[in-house]
Amino acid sequence: MLCRRGRDMVKRSGMKGRVKGMDEKNTDYSAKKRALLEQGLVSPQVLELINELETELDFLSKQNESFRKALRAKSVQNPRMSTKLRDALYE
């Protein structure tokens, strides 16, 4: 199933609310950071900024997952169609 994310179309995994590839992206960022560090292309100031951004990304990912769980729990509590409509459809 495809989902619109910004300008790009991305594939959704079977898990509700999870975009396929998010964990791979985080790992990819870590690998790129490691490669830049090994090559000596990152100054201490840039490294500090990258670490802050990684921390923020992790926090926002966890917060997003928490919001998705709360939304799913809330949507389960509310019936999706009125009782009268449901009864009419089952007759």
Protein backbone atom coordinates (compact mmCIF):
# COMPACT_ATOMS: atom_id res chain seq x y z
CA MET A 1 0.00 0.00 0.00
CA LEU A 2 1.34 3.44 -0.87
CA CYS A 3 1.08 6.51 1.33
CA ARG A 4 1.84 10.13 0.51
CA ARG A 5 4.63 11.60 2.67
CA GLY A 6 5.47 15.14 1.66
CA ARG A 7 6.29 14.97 -2.03
CA ASP A 8 7.29 11.31 -2.03
CA MET A 9 5.29 8.13 -2.18
CA VAL A 10 6.46 5.56 0.34
CA LYS A 11 5.49 1.96 0.94
CA ARG A 12 3.76 1.16 4.20
CA SER A 13 4.60 -2.03 6.00
CA GLY A 14 1.98 -4.38 7.38
CA MET A 15 2.28 -2.73 10.79
CA LYS A 16 -0.33 -0.05 11.35
CA GLY A 17 1.09 3.43 11.36
CA ARG A 18 4.65 2.43 10.61
CA VAL A 19 6.32 3.58 7.46
CA LYS A 20 8.53 0.88 6.04
CA GLY A 21 12.17 1.86 6.18
CA MET A 22 12.24 4.25 9.14
CA ASP A 23 14.50 1.97 11.21
CA GLU A 24 16.69 1.40 8.17
CA LYS A 25 16.96 5.17 7.67
CA ASN A 26 18.14 5.65 11.26
CA THR A 27 20.74 2.93 10.79
CA ASP A 28 21.76 4.48 7.47
CA TYR A 29 22.28 7.87 9.14
CA SER A 30 24.43 6.24 11.82
CA ALA A 31 26.53 4.49 9.18
CA LYS A 32 27.02 7.75 7.25
CA LYS A 33 28.01 9.54 10.46
CA ARG A 34 30.50 6.78 11.30
CA ALA A 35 32.03 7.00 7.82
CA LEU A 36 32.45 10.78 8.07
CA LEU A 37 34.05 10.43 11.49
CA GLU A 38 36.49 7.78 10.23
CA GLN A 39 37.49 10.05 7.35
CA GLY A 40 38.00 12.98 9.71
CA LEU A 41 35.57 15.20 7.81
CA VAL A 42 33.54 16.27 10.85
CA SER A 43 34.54 19.09 13.17
CA PRO A 44 33.70 18.88 16.90
CA GLN A 45 30.99 21.52 16.49
CA VAL A 46 29.34 19.60 13.66
CA LEU A 47 29.59 16.35 15.63
CA GLU A 48 27.83 18.02 18.57
CA LEU A 49 25.06 19.24 16.26
CA ILE A 50 24.68 15.78 14.69
CA ASN A 51 24.39 14.20 18.14
CA GLU A 52 21.72 16.73 19.15
CA LEU A 53 19.80 16.05 15.96
CA GLU A 54 20.02 12.28 16.50
CA THR A 55 18.68 12.72 20.02
CA GLU A 56 15.83 14.90 18.74
CA LEU A 57 15.04 12.38 15.97
CA ASP A 58 14.88 9.54 18.48
CA PHE A 59 12.64 11.55 20.84
CA LEU A 60 10.27 12.59 18.04
CA SER A 61 10.07 9.02 16.70
CA LYS A 62 9.09 7.72 20.13
CA GLN A 63 6.61 10.57 20.61
CA ASN A 64 5.11 9.88 17.17
CA GLU A 65 4.67 6.20 18.01
CA SER A 66 3.03 7.16 21.32
CA PHE A 67 0.60 9.50 19.54
CA ARG A 68 -0.23 6.80 16.99
CA LYS A 69 -0.98 4.28 19.76
CA ALA A 70 -3.21 6.80 21.56
CA LEU A 71 -5.02 7.61 18.33
CA ARG A 72 -5.58 3.93 17.55
CA ALA A 73 -6.89 3.33 21.08
CA LYS A 74 -9.23 6.31 20.79
CA SER A 75 -10.53 5.25 17.37
CA VAL A 76 -11.29 1.74 18.66
CA GLN A 77 -13.50 3.19 21.42
CA ASN A 78 -15.74 5.12 19.00
CA PRO A 79 -17.94 3.09 16.67
CA ARG A 80 -17.36 3.91 13.03
CA MET A 81 -20.98 3.87 11.98
CA SER A 82 -24.19 4.75 13.76
CA THR A 83 -26.22 2.04 15.46
CA LYS A 84 -29.19 2.65 13.18
CA LEU A 85 -27.06 2.29 10.07
CA ARG A 86 -25.37 -0.84 11.36
CA ASP A 87 -28.72 -2.44 12.27
CA ALA A 88 -30.12 -1.57 8.82
CA LEU A 89 -27.13 -3.13 7.09
CA TYR A 90 -27.37 -6.35 9.11
CA GLU A 91 -31.10 -6.82 8.33
